[in-house]
Amino acid sequence: MCKVHWCKGDDGKLGYCNRHYLQMRRFGKILPIARNRSLPQEFEFYGNDCHILLYDRSGNKIASAVVDRADYEIVKPYKYNFSGRKYVRISGKSKEGFAFLHQLLLHTRWVDHIDGDSLNNRRLNLRPCTNQQNQFNQKPQRGGLSRYKGVVLQDRSKPYYARIYLDGMCIYLGSFLTEKEAALAYNEAAEKYFGEFACLNIL
């Protein structure tokens, strides 16, 4: 049998099957198996962390999600992918009907990633929340006219204004000469209304 431990081909030259012998001649190494959906989920362990390796449809590794090593038995039965919304999705659904890794770990639909990193699914980074609280902690949307959350560019003598959304209503926070002043006004309002769930602008 071929001496590549996962190959079941017959051994030949130098102990390799014909395919792996040719790989050694051409590339000087054994090429990795092309991944497909039938392959099991891969995990790696580093200290108290368990890394869930995530691949795209072409089999290229694109990211890894981190959970506590103690949660390995919970995450082990499933396979995972990185969704377009940048959350770690369970292929299919869990037995409880959860679609995402963070939901599986806390057994609830609405979960907030405290540091804003959806790949960091350690228990210390997850907290139950409401849908509205989850929106509070969202980072500024890419492609906006301002780099700061809650800040809008306007064509007036004071070119920036700040706003914040609460219970579906837009609260106007004032107009400002500079972008940073408007961002600071948003930060103050976010701390007042959102508390620990506030995602503050870095000034």
N, C-alpha and C. Protein backbone atom coordinates (compact mmCIF):
# COMPACT_ATOMS: atom_id res chain seq x y z
N MET A 1 0.84 -1.20 0.00
CA MET A 1 0.00 0.00 0.00
C MET A 1 0.88 1.25 0.00
N CYS A 2 0.43 2.31 -0.67
CA CYS A 2 1.16 3.57 -0.74
C CYS A 2 1.50 4.06 0.67
N LYS A 3 2.73 4.60 0.84
CA LYS A 3 3.15 5.01 2.17
C LYS A 3 2.60 6.38 2.60
N VAL A 4 1.85 7.06 1.71
CA VAL A 4 1.09 8.24 2.14
C VAL A 4 -0.05 7.72 3.00
N HIS A 5 -0.10 8.14 4.27
CA HIS A 5 -0.91 7.43 5.26
C HIS A 5 -2.40 7.40 4.93
N TRP A 6 -2.91 8.41 4.18
CA TRP A 6 -4.34 8.42 3.89
C TRP A 6 -4.66 7.83 2.52
N CYS A 7 -3.64 7.35 1.80
CA CYS A 7 -3.86 6.80 0.45
C CYS A 7 -3.99 5.28 0.51
N LYS A 8 -4.96 4.74 -0.21
CA LYS A 8 -5.18 3.30 -0.24
C LYS A 8 -4.68 2.66 -1.54
N GLY A 9 -3.92 3.44 -2.34
CA GLY A 9 -3.39 2.90 -3.58
C GLY A 9 -2.27 1.90 -3.35
N ASP A 10 -2.01 1.08 -4.37
CA ASP A 10 -0.93 0.08 -4.29
C ASP A 10 0.42 0.75 -4.34
N ASP A 11 1.35 0.26 -3.53
CA ASP A 11 2.69 0.85 -3.53
C ASP A 11 3.45 0.42 -4.78
N GLY A 12 4.36 1.31 -5.20
CA GLY A 12 5.17 1.04 -6.37
C GLY A 12 6.56 1.61 -6.14
N LYS A 13 6.99 2.49 -7.01
CA LYS A 13 8.33 3.06 -6.90
C LYS A 13 8.47 3.88 -5.61
N LEU A 14 9.55 3.62 -4.88
CA LEU A 14 9.87 4.33 -3.63
C LEU A 14 8.78 4.22 -2.58
N GLY A 15 7.89 3.24 -2.75
CA GLY A 15 6.83 3.03 -1.77
C GLY A 15 5.58 3.85 -2.01
N TYR A 16 5.54 4.62 -3.12
CA TYR A 16 4.37 5.44 -3.43
C TYR A 16 3.53 4.77 -4.51
N CYS A 17 2.23 5.08 -4.51
CA CYS A 17 1.41 4.71 -5.66
C CYS A 17 1.85 5.57 -6.85
N ASN A 18 1.37 5.24 -8.04
CA ASN A 18 1.82 5.95 -9.23
C ASN A 18 1.51 7.45 -9.16
N ARG A 19 0.30 7.81 -8.67
CA ARG A 19 -0.08 9.23 -8.60
C ARG A 19 0.85 10.00 -7.66
N HIS A 20 1.12 9.45 -6.48
CA HIS A 20 1.95 10.17 -5.52
C HIS A 20 3.44 10.12 -5.90
N TYR A 21 3.84 9.10 -6.61
CA TYR A 21 5.22 9.06 -7.11
C TYR A 21 5.44 10.19 -8.12
N LEU A 22 4.45 10.39 -9.01
CA LEU A 22 4.57 11.47 -9.99
C LEU A 22 4.55 12.85 -9.31
N GLN A 23 3.75 13.00 -8.25
CA GLN A 23 3.75 14.26 -7.51
C GLN A 23 5.12 14.54 -6.90
N MET A 24 5.75 13.52 -6.34
CA MET A 24 7.07 13.70 -5.75
C MET A 24 8.09 14.09 -6.81
N ARG A 25 7.99 13.50 -8.00
CA ARG A 25 8.92 13.83 -9.08
C ARG A 25 8.71 15.25 -9.59
N ARG A 26 7.45 15.63 -9.75
CA ARG A 26 7.15 16.93 -10.36
C ARG A 26 7.25 18.10 -9.37
N PHE A 27 6.77 17.86 -8.15
CA PHE A 27 6.65 18.97 -7.19
C PHE A 27 7.55 18.83 -5.97
N GLY A 28 8.13 17.65 -5.80
CA GLY A 28 8.99 17.43 -4.64
C GLY A 28 8.22 17.27 -3.34
N LYS A 29 6.91 17.11 -3.42
CA LYS A 29 6.09 16.93 -2.22
C LYS A 29 4.76 16.29 -2.60
N ILE A 30 4.05 15.82 -1.59
CA ILE A 30 2.72 15.28 -1.79
C ILE A 30 1.72 16.42 -1.71
N LEU A 31 0.90 16.57 -2.73
CA LEU A 31 -0.09 17.64 -2.73
C LEU A 31 -1.25 17.30 -1.81
N PRO A 32 -1.84 18.31 -1.15
CA PRO A 32 -2.97 18.05 -0.25
C PRO A 32 -4.19 17.59 -1.02
N ILE A 33 -5.07 16.91 -0.33
CA ILE A 33 -6.31 16.46 -0.94
C ILE A 33 -7.18 17.67 -1.25
N ALA A 34 -7.76 17.70 -2.45
CA ALA A 34 -8.72 18.77 -2.76
C ALA A 34 -9.95 18.56 -1.89
N ARG A 35 -10.34 19.60 -1.17
CA ARG A 35 -11.47 19.47 -0.26
C ARG A 35 -12.79 19.41 -1.03
N ASN A 36 -13.74 18.69 -0.48
CA ASN A 36 -15.10 18.70 -1.00
C ASN A 36 -16.06 18.57 0.17
N ARG A 37 -17.33 18.69 -0.11
CA ARG A 37 -18.32 18.76 0.96
C ARG A 37 -18.44 17.46 1.76
N SER A 38 -17.93 16.38 1.22
CA SER A 38 -18.03 15.10 1.93
C SER A 38 -16.97 14.95 3.01
N LEU A 39 -15.95 15.80 3.00
CA LEU A 39 -14.88 15.68 3.99
C LEU A 39 -15.38 16.17 5.35
N PRO A 40 -14.88 15.57 6.43
CA PRO A 40 -15.34 15.97 7.77
C PRO A 40 -14.85 17.37 8.13
N GLN A 41 -15.52 17.98 9.08
CA GLN A 41 -15.12 19.28 9.60
C GLN A 41 -13.75 19.16 10.27
N GLU A 42 -12.89 20.13 10.03
CA GLU A 42 -11.55 20.12 10.63
C GLU A 42 -11.50 21.05 11.84
N PHE A 43 -10.83 20.58 12.89
CA PHE A 43 -10.63 21.35 14.11
C PHE A 43 -9.15 21.34 14.47
N GLU A 44 -8.68 22.43 15.04
CA GLU A 44 -7.32 22.50 15.57
C GLU A 44 -7.39 23.05 16.99
N PHE A 45 -6.47 22.60 17.84
CA PHE A 45 -6.50 22.98 19.25
C PHE A 45 -5.21 23.69 19.64
N TYR A 46 -5.39 24.83 20.30
CA TYR A 46 -4.26 25.62 20.80
C TYR A 46 -4.60 26.05 22.22
N GLY A 47 -3.95 25.44 23.20
CA GLY A 47 -4.23 25.78 24.59
C GLY A 47 -5.69 25.53 24.92
N ASN A 48 -6.38 26.55 25.39
CA ASN A 48 -7.79 26.43 25.75
C ASN A 48 -8.74 26.75 24.60
N ASP A 49 -8.18 26.95 23.40
CA ASP A 49 -8.99 27.32 22.24
C ASP A 49 -9.16 26.16 21.28
N CYS A 50 -10.32 26.11 20.66
CA CYS A 50 -10.60 25.18 19.56
C CYS A 50 -10.88 26.01 18.32
N HIS A 51 -10.11 25.79 17.25
CA HIS A 51 -10.29 26.52 16.00
C HIS A 51 -11.08 25.66 15.02
N ILE A 52 -12.11 26.25 14.45
CA ILE A 52 -12.93 25.60 13.43
C ILE A 52 -12.49 26.14 12.07
N LEU A 53 -11.90 25.30 11.24
CA LEU A 53 -11.36 25.74 9.96
C LEU A 53 -12.50 25.91 8.95
N LEU A 54 -12.48 27.04 8.25
CA LEU A 54 -13.55 27.38 7.32
C LEU A 54 -13.01 27.51 5.91
N TYR A 55 -13.70 26.91 4.95
CA TYR A 55 -13.25 26.86 3.56
C TYR A 55 -14.32 27.43 2.64
N ASP A 56 -13.87 27.95 1.47
CA ASP A 56 -14.83 28.37 0.46
C ASP A 56 -15.24 27.18 -0.39
N ARG A 57 -16.07 27.43 -1.40
CA ARG A 57 -16.58 26.32 -2.22
C ARG A 57 -15.51 25.66 -3.07
N SER A 58 -14.40 26.36 -3.26
CA SER A 58 -13.30 25.78 -4.03
C SER A 58 -12.32 25.00 -3.16
N GLY A 59 -12.61 24.94 -1.87
CA GLY A 59 -11.73 24.20 -0.97
C GLY A 59 -10.58 25.00 -0.42
N ASN A 60 -10.61 26.33 -0.60
CA ASN A 60 -9.55 27.19 -0.06
C ASN A 60 -9.90 27.64 1.35
N LYS A 61 -8.93 27.55 2.24
CA LYS A 61 -9.18 28.01 3.60
C LYS A 61 -9.31 29.53 3.59
N ILE A 62 -10.40 30.06 4.19
CA ILE A 62 -10.63 31.50 4.18
C ILE A 62 -10.62 32.10 5.58
N ALA A 63 -10.81 31.28 6.61
CA ALA A 63 -10.85 31.82 7.97
C ALA A 63 -10.90 30.66 8.95
N SER A 64 -10.81 30.99 10.22
CA SER A 64 -11.06 30.01 11.27
C SER A 64 -11.80 30.69 12.40
N ALA A 65 -12.81 30.02 12.91
CA ALA A 65 -13.58 30.52 14.05
C ALA A 65 -13.00 29.91 15.32
N VAL A 66 -13.08 30.65 16.42
CA VAL A 66 -12.51 30.19 17.68
C VAL A 66 -13.63 30.02 18.70
N VAL A 67 -13.64 28.87 19.35
CA VAL A 67 -14.52 28.62 20.49
C VAL A 67 -13.67 28.11 21.64
N ASP A 68 -14.24 28.06 22.81
CA ASP A 68 -13.53 27.48 23.95
C ASP A 68 -13.35 25.99 23.72
N ARG A 69 -12.20 25.49 24.09
CA ARG A 69 -11.94 24.05 23.94
C ARG A 69 -12.99 23.22 24.66
N ALA A 70 -13.51 23.74 25.76
CA ALA A 70 -14.53 23.02 26.53
C ALA A 70 -15.83 22.85 25.74
N ASP A 71 -16.02 23.64 24.67
CA ASP A 71 -17.24 23.55 23.86
C ASP A 71 -17.08 22.64 22.64
N TYR A 72 -15.96 21.94 22.56
CA TYR A 72 -15.71 21.08 21.40
C TYR A 72 -16.81 20.05 21.20
N GLU A 73 -17.28 19.43 22.28
CA GLU A 73 -18.31 18.40 22.15
C GLU A 73 -19.61 18.97 21.61
N ILE A 74 -19.86 20.25 21.87
CA ILE A 74 -21.08 20.90 21.35
C ILE A 74 -20.96 21.16 19.85
N VAL A 75 -19.79 21.62 19.41
CA VAL A 75 -19.63 22.01 18.00
C VAL A 75 -19.22 20.85 17.10
N LYS A 76 -18.71 19.78 17.70
CA LYS A 76 -18.15 18.66 16.93
C LYS A 76 -19.12 18.01 15.94
N PRO A 77 -20.40 17.85 16.25
CA PRO A 77 -21.27 17.10 15.33
C PRO A 77 -21.56 17.79 14.00
N TYR A 78 -21.20 19.04 13.85
CA TYR A 78 -21.66 19.81 12.68
C TYR A 78 -20.50 20.25 11.79
N LYS A 79 -20.86 20.64 10.56
CA LYS A 79 -19.92 21.27 9.65
C LYS A 79 -20.32 22.74 9.51
N TYR A 80 -19.33 23.58 9.16
CA TYR A 80 -19.55 25.02 9.21
C TYR A 80 -19.03 25.70 7.95
N ASN A 81 -19.62 26.86 7.64
CA ASN A 81 -19.11 27.70 6.57
C ASN A 81 -19.27 29.15 6.98
N PHE A 82 -18.60 30.03 6.24
CA PHE A 82 -18.60 31.46 6.55
C PHE A 82 -19.63 32.12 5.64
N SER A 83 -20.72 32.62 6.20
CA SER A 83 -21.82 33.13 5.39
C SER A 83 -21.52 34.52 4.85
N GLY A 84 -22.31 34.94 3.88
CA GLY A 84 -22.15 36.27 3.30
C GLY A 84 -22.35 37.38 4.31
N ARG A 85 -23.08 37.10 5.40
CA ARG A 85 -23.28 38.09 6.45
C ARG A 85 -22.11 38.09 7.43
N LYS A 86 -21.11 37.29 7.15
CA LYS A 86 -19.90 37.22 7.97
C LYS A 86 -20.16 36.61 9.34
N TYR A 87 -21.12 35.71 9.40
CA TYR A 87 -21.31 34.89 10.59
C TYR A 87 -20.95 33.45 10.24
N VAL A 88 -20.59 32.68 11.24
CA VAL A 88 -20.25 31.28 11.03
C VAL A 88 -21.55 30.48 11.02
N ARG A 89 -21.88 29.96 9.84
CA ARG A 89 -23.16 29.26 9.66
C ARG A 89 -22.96 27.76 9.80
N ILE A 90 -23.95 27.12 10.42
CA ILE A 90 -23.98 25.66 10.50
C ILE A 90 -24.52 25.13 9.18
N SER A 91 -23.84 24.16 8.58
CA SER A 91 -24.34 23.55 7.34
C SER A 91 -25.61 22.78 7.67
N GLY A 92 -26.71 23.19 7.07
CA GLY A 92 -28.01 22.69 7.49
C GLY A 92 -28.43 23.49 8.70
N LYS A 93 -28.84 22.82 9.76
CA LYS A 93 -29.14 23.46 11.03
C LYS A 93 -28.81 22.49 12.16
N SER A 94 -28.71 23.03 13.36
CA SER A 94 -28.46 22.18 14.52
C SER A 94 -29.74 21.42 14.88
N LYS A 95 -29.63 20.47 15.79
CA LYS A 95 -30.80 19.72 16.22
C LYS A 95 -31.86 20.63 16.81
N GLU A 96 -31.41 21.72 17.43
CA GLU A 96 -32.34 22.67 18.05
C GLU A 96 -32.90 23.68 17.05
N GLY A 97 -32.42 23.63 15.80
CA GLY A 97 -32.92 24.54 14.78
C GLY A 97 -32.12 25.81 14.63
N PHE A 98 -30.95 25.90 15.29
CA PHE A 98 -30.13 27.11 15.18
C PHE A 98 -29.32 27.08 13.88
N ALA A 99 -29.19 28.25 13.25
CA ALA A 99 -28.50 28.34 11.96
C ALA A 99 -27.05 28.77 12.10
N PHE A 100 -26.68 29.40 13.23
CA PHE A 100 -25.34 29.97 13.38
C PHE A 100 -24.64 29.44 14.63
N LEU A 101 -23.31 29.46 14.56
CA LEU A 101 -22.48 28.94 15.64
C LEU A 101 -22.77 29.63 16.96
N HIS A 102 -22.85 30.95 16.96
CA HIS A 102 -23.06 31.67 18.23
C HIS A 102 -24.41 31.33 18.85
N GLN A 103 -25.42 31.06 18.02
CA GLN A 103 -26.73 30.65 18.54
C GLN A 103 -26.64 29.27 19.18
N LEU A 104 -25.91 28.37 18.54
CA LEU A 104 -25.74 27.02 19.07
C LEU A 104 -25.10 27.04 20.45
N LEU A 105 -24.11 27.89 20.63
CA LEU A 105 -23.37 27.91 21.89
C LEU A 105 -24.19 28.45 23.05
N LEU A 106 -25.00 29.49 22.80
CA LEU A 106 -25.79 30.09 23.89
C LEU A 106 -27.25 29.64 23.90
N HIS A 107 -27.63 28.81 22.92
CA HIS A 107 -28.99 28.29 22.85
C HIS A 107 -30.04 29.40 22.85
N THR A 108 -29.78 30.44 22.08
CA THR A 108 -30.74 31.52 21.94
C THR A 108 -30.54 32.18 20.59
N ARG A 109 -31.58 32.82 20.07
CA ARG A 109 -31.51 33.37 18.72
C ARG A 109 -30.63 34.61 18.64
N TRP A 110 -30.81 35.54 19.60
CA TRP A 110 -30.09 36.81 19.52
C TRP A 110 -28.88 36.78 20.43
N VAL A 111 -27.71 36.89 19.81
CA VAL A 111 -26.44 36.85 20.54
C VAL A 111 -25.56 37.98 20.02
N ASP A 112 -24.91 38.68 20.94
CA ASP A 112 -24.03 39.78 20.57
C ASP A 112 -22.58 39.37 20.75
N HIS A 113 -21.74 39.65 19.73
CA HIS A 113 -20.30 39.48 19.86
C HIS A 113 -19.74 40.78 20.46
N ILE A 114 -19.26 40.71 21.66
CA ILE A 114 -18.90 41.91 22.41
C ILE A 114 -17.84 42.73 21.68
N ASP A 115 -16.82 42.06 21.11
CA ASP A 115 -15.75 42.80 20.43
C ASP A 115 -16.06 43.05 18.95
N GLY A 116 -17.24 42.65 18.49
CA GLY A 116 -17.63 42.88 17.10
C GLY A 116 -17.05 41.88 16.11
N ASP A 117 -16.28 40.91 16.59
CA ASP A 117 -15.63 39.91 15.72
C ASP A 117 -16.47 38.64 15.73
N SER A 118 -17.16 38.36 14.63
CA SER A 118 -18.05 37.20 14.58
C SER A 118 -17.31 35.87 14.54
N LEU A 119 -15.99 35.91 14.33
CA LEU A 119 -15.20 34.68 14.37
C LEU A 119 -14.77 34.33 15.79
N ASN A 120 -14.85 35.27 16.70
CA ASN A 120 -14.48 35.04 18.10
C ASN A 120 -15.72 34.59 18.86
N ASN A 121 -15.87 33.28 19.00
CA ASN A 121 -17.05 32.72 19.65
C ASN A 121 -16.71 32.07 20.99
N ARG A 122 -15.67 32.61 21.64
CA ARG A 122 -15.41 32.20 23.02
C ARG A 122 -16.56 32.70 23.90
N ARG A 123 -16.83 31.98 24.97
CA ARG A 123 -17.96 32.33 25.84
C ARG A 123 -17.83 33.76 26.38
N LEU A 124 -16.61 34.18 26.69
CA LEU A 124 -16.42 35.51 27.26
C LEU A 124 -16.75 36.62 26.27
N ASN A 125 -16.83 36.27 24.98
CA ASN A 125 -17.13 37.28 23.95
C ASN A 125 -18.59 37.25 23.51
N LEU A 126 -19.39 36.38 24.09
CA LEU A 126 -20.79 36.25 23.68
C LEU A 126 -21.71 36.64 24.83
N ARG A 127 -22.80 37.32 24.48
CA ARG A 127 -23.80 37.65 25.50
C ARG A 127 -25.19 37.63 24.85
N PRO A 128 -26.18 37.11 25.55
CA PRO A 128 -27.55 37.16 25.03
C PRO A 128 -28.00 38.61 24.91
N CYS A 129 -28.86 38.89 23.95
CA CYS A 129 -29.32 40.25 23.74
C CYS A 129 -30.66 40.22 23.02
N THR A 130 -31.23 41.38 22.84
CA THR A 130 -32.40 41.52 21.97
C THR A 130 -31.92 41.87 20.57
N ASN A 131 -32.82 41.81 19.61
CA ASN A 131 -32.47 42.20 18.24
C ASN A 131 -31.99 43.65 18.21
N GLN A 132 -32.66 44.53 18.95
CA GLN A 132 -32.28 45.94 18.96
C GLN A 132 -30.90 46.14 19.58
N GLN A 133 -30.62 45.44 20.68
CA GLN A 133 -29.30 45.56 21.31
C GLN A 133 -28.20 45.07 20.38
N ASN A 134 -28.51 44.06 19.58
CA ASN A 134 -27.53 43.56 18.62
C ASN A 134 -27.22 44.62 17.57
N GLN A 135 -28.22 45.40 17.18
CA GLN A 135 -28.00 46.48 16.22
C GLN A 135 -27.17 47.61 16.82
N PHE A 136 -27.32 47.83 18.12
CA PHE A 136 -26.55 48.89 18.78
C PHE A 136 -25.05 48.69 18.57
N ASN A 137 -24.62 47.43 18.60
CA ASN A 137 -23.19 47.12 18.60
C ASN A 137 -22.63 46.91 17.20
N GLN A 138 -23.39 47.28 16.15
CA GLN A 138 -22.91 47.15 14.79
C GLN A 138 -21.89 48.24 14.48
N LYS A 139 -20.87 47.89 13.71
CA LYS A 139 -19.86 48.86 13.30
C LYS A 139 -20.40 49.72 12.15
N PRO A 140 -19.74 50.85 11.84
CA PRO A 140 -20.19 51.69 10.72
C PRO A 140 -20.23 50.90 9.42
N GLN A 141 -21.24 51.17 8.60
CA GLN A 141 -21.37 50.48 7.32
C GLN A 141 -20.34 50.99 6.33
N ARG A 142 -19.74 50.06 5.58
CA ARG A 142 -18.79 50.47 4.55
C ARG A 142 -19.51 51.22 3.44
N GLY A 143 -18.79 52.15 2.83
CA GLY A 143 -19.37 52.88 1.72
C GLY A 143 -20.16 54.11 2.13
N GLY A 144 -20.22 54.40 3.44
CA GLY A 144 -20.92 55.58 3.89
C GLY A 144 -20.11 56.84 3.61
N LEU A 145 -20.77 57.99 3.70
CA LEU A 145 -20.09 59.25 3.43
C LEU A 145 -19.19 59.67 4.58
N SER A 146 -19.38 59.10 5.74
CA SER A 146 -18.52 59.37 6.89
C SER A 146 -17.91 58.07 7.37
N ARG A 147 -16.70 58.16 7.90
CA ARG A 147 -16.05 56.96 8.45
C ARG A 147 -16.56 56.65 9.85
N TYR A 148 -17.37 57.56 10.41
CA TYR A 148 -17.86 57.40 11.77
C TYR A 148 -19.33 56.97 11.78
N LYS A 149 -19.65 56.18 12.77
CA LYS A 149 -21.03 55.73 12.93
C LYS A 149 -21.90 56.88 13.43
N GLY A 150 -23.10 57.00 12.85
CA GLY A 150 -24.04 58.03 13.29
C GLY A 150 -23.76 59.41 12.75
N VAL A 151 -22.82 59.54 11.80
CA VAL A 151 -22.45 60.85 11.26
C VAL A 151 -22.83 60.91 9.78
N VAL A 152 -23.44 62.03 9.40
CA VAL A 152 -23.92 62.20 8.02
C VAL A 152 -23.38 63.52 7.48
N LEU A 153 -22.94 63.50 6.23
CA LEU A 153 -22.46 64.70 5.54
C LEU A 153 -23.64 65.44 4.93
N GLN A 154 -23.68 66.77 5.12
CA GLN A 154 -24.75 67.57 4.54
C GLN A 154 -24.17 68.82 3.88
N ASP A 155 -24.93 69.42 2.99
CA ASP A 155 -24.46 70.59 2.24
C ASP A 155 -24.98 71.86 2.91
N ARG A 156 -24.35 72.21 4.04
CA ARG A 156 -24.76 73.40 4.79
C ARG A 156 -23.53 74.06 5.39
N SER A 157 -23.75 75.16 6.12
CA SER A 157 -22.61 75.86 6.74
C SER A 157 -21.91 74.98 7.75
N LYS A 158 -22.68 74.17 8.45
CA LYS A 158 -22.10 73.14 9.33
C LYS A 158 -22.28 71.81 8.61
N PRO A 159 -21.20 71.29 8.03
CA PRO A 159 -21.34 70.20 7.04
C PRO A 159 -21.65 68.82 7.61
N TYR A 160 -21.63 68.64 8.92
CA TYR A 160 -21.87 67.31 9.48
C TYR A 160 -22.99 67.36 10.51
N TYR A 161 -23.82 66.33 10.51
CA TYR A 161 -24.76 66.21 11.62
C TYR A 161 -24.72 64.78 12.16
N ALA A 162 -25.14 64.65 13.41
CA ALA A 162 -25.12 63.35 14.08
C ALA A 162 -26.56 62.90 14.34
N ARG A 163 -26.77 61.60 14.27
CA ARG A 163 -28.08 61.04 14.54
C ARG A 163 -27.91 59.67 15.19
N ILE A 164 -28.96 59.22 15.85
CA ILE A 164 -28.93 57.91 16.47
C ILE A 164 -30.34 57.32 16.38
N TYR A 165 -30.42 56.01 16.22
CA TYR A 165 -31.71 55.34 16.11
C TYR A 165 -32.04 54.63 17.42
N LEU A 166 -33.26 54.85 17.90
CA LEU A 166 -33.72 54.23 19.14
C LEU A 166 -35.19 53.85 18.98
N ASP A 167 -35.48 52.57 19.20
CA ASP A 167 -36.86 52.07 19.08
C ASP A 167 -37.47 52.42 17.72
N GLY A 168 -36.65 52.34 16.68
CA GLY A 168 -37.13 52.60 15.33
C GLY A 168 -37.27 54.06 14.96
N MET A 169 -36.90 54.94 15.87
CA MET A 169 -37.00 56.39 15.62
C MET A 169 -35.60 56.98 15.48
N CYS A 170 -35.48 57.97 14.57
CA CYS A 170 -34.22 58.66 14.36
C CYS A 170 -34.19 59.91 15.24
N ILE A 171 -33.17 60.00 16.09
CA ILE A 171 -33.02 61.15 16.98
C ILE A 171 -31.91 62.04 16.44
N TYR A 172 -32.23 63.29 16.16
CA TYR A 172 -31.26 64.25 15.63
C TYR A 172 -30.43 64.79 16.80
N LEU A 173 -29.10 64.76 16.66
CA LEU A 173 -28.20 65.15 17.74
C LEU A 173 -27.52 66.49 17.51
N GLY A 174 -27.76 67.12 16.37
CA GLY A 174 -27.17 68.42 16.12
C GLY A 174 -26.24 68.45 14.92
N SER A 175 -25.93 69.68 14.45
CA SER A 175 -25.01 69.89 13.33
C SER A 175 -23.67 70.39 13.86
N PHE A 176 -22.59 70.05 13.14
CA PHE A 176 -21.25 70.34 13.65
C PHE A 176 -20.33 70.75 12.50
N LEU A 177 -19.29 71.51 12.87
CA LEU A 177 -18.33 71.97 11.88
C LEU A 177 -17.40 70.85 11.43
N THR A 178 -17.09 69.93 12.34
CA THR A 178 -16.14 68.87 12.01
C THR A 178 -16.77 67.50 12.18
N GLU A 179 -16.21 66.55 11.46
CA GLU A 179 -16.68 65.17 11.51
C GLU A 179 -16.47 64.58 12.91
N LYS A 180 -15.35 64.91 13.54
CA LYS A 180 -15.06 64.36 14.86
C LYS A 180 -16.02 64.88 15.93
N GLU A 181 -16.42 66.14 15.81
CA GLU A 181 -17.39 66.68 16.76
C GLU A 181 -18.71 65.92 16.67
N ALA A 182 -19.13 65.64 15.45
CA ALA A 182 -20.37 64.89 15.25
C ALA A 182 -20.22 63.46 15.78
N ALA A 183 -19.05 62.87 15.56
CA ALA A 183 -18.81 61.51 16.05
C ALA A 183 -18.82 61.48 17.58
N LEU A 184 -18.28 62.50 18.21
CA LEU A 184 -18.29 62.58 19.67
C LEU A 184 -19.71 62.70 20.20
N ALA A 185 -20.54 63.49 19.52
CA ALA A 185 -21.94 63.62 19.92
C ALA A 185 -22.66 62.27 19.84
N TYR A 186 -22.35 61.51 18.78
CA TYR A 186 -22.94 60.17 18.67
C TYR A 186 -22.48 59.29 19.82
N ASN A 187 -21.19 59.32 20.13
CA ASN A 187 -20.66 58.49 21.22
C ASN A 187 -21.38 58.77 22.53
N GLU A 188 -21.57 60.05 22.83
CA GLU A 188 -22.21 60.42 24.09
C GLU A 188 -23.65 59.90 24.14
N ALA A 189 -24.36 60.02 23.01
CA ALA A 189 -25.73 59.53 22.97
C ALA A 189 -25.78 58.01 23.04
N ALA A 190 -24.84 57.34 22.36
CA ALA A 190 -24.82 55.88 22.38
C ALA A 190 -24.57 55.36 23.79
N GLU A 191 -23.66 55.97 24.51
CA GLU A 191 -23.41 55.55 25.89
C GLU A 191 -24.65 55.77 26.76
N LYS A 192 -25.36 56.86 26.51
CA LYS A 192 -26.56 57.17 27.29
C LYS A 192 -27.68 56.17 27.02
N TYR A 193 -27.93 55.87 25.74
CA TYR A 193 -29.08 55.05 25.38
C TYR A 193 -28.77 53.56 25.34
N PHE A 194 -27.55 53.19 24.94
CA PHE A 194 -27.24 51.79 24.69
C PHE A 194 -26.43 51.13 25.78
N GLY A 195 -25.77 51.91 26.61
CA GLY A 195 -24.99 51.35 27.71
C GLY A 195 -23.89 50.43 27.23
N GLU A 196 -23.83 49.22 27.79
CA GLU A 196 -22.75 48.29 27.48
C GLU A 196 -22.78 47.79 26.04
N PHE A 197 -23.90 47.96 25.34
CA PHE A 197 -24.01 47.50 23.96
C PHE A 197 -23.58 48.56 22.95
N ALA A 198 -23.19 49.74 23.42
CA ALA A 198 -22.81 50.82 22.51
C ALA A 198 -21.53 50.48 21.75
N CYS A 199 -21.54 50.72 20.44
CA CYS A 199 -20.35 50.59 19.61
C CYS A 199 -19.86 52.00 19.32
N LEU A 200 -18.81 52.43 20.03
CA LEU A 200 -18.38 53.82 19.98
C LEU A 200 -17.39 54.06 18.84
N ASN A 201 -17.43 55.26 18.30
CA ASN A 201 -16.44 55.66 17.31
C ASN A 201 -15.09 55.84 17.99
N ILE A 202 -14.04 55.41 17.32
CA ILE A 202 -12.67 55.61 17.81
C ILE A 202 -12.16 56.94 17.27
N LEU A 203 -11.91 57.88 18.15
CA LEU A 203 -11.54 59.23 17.73
C LEU A 203 -10.05 59.48 17.92
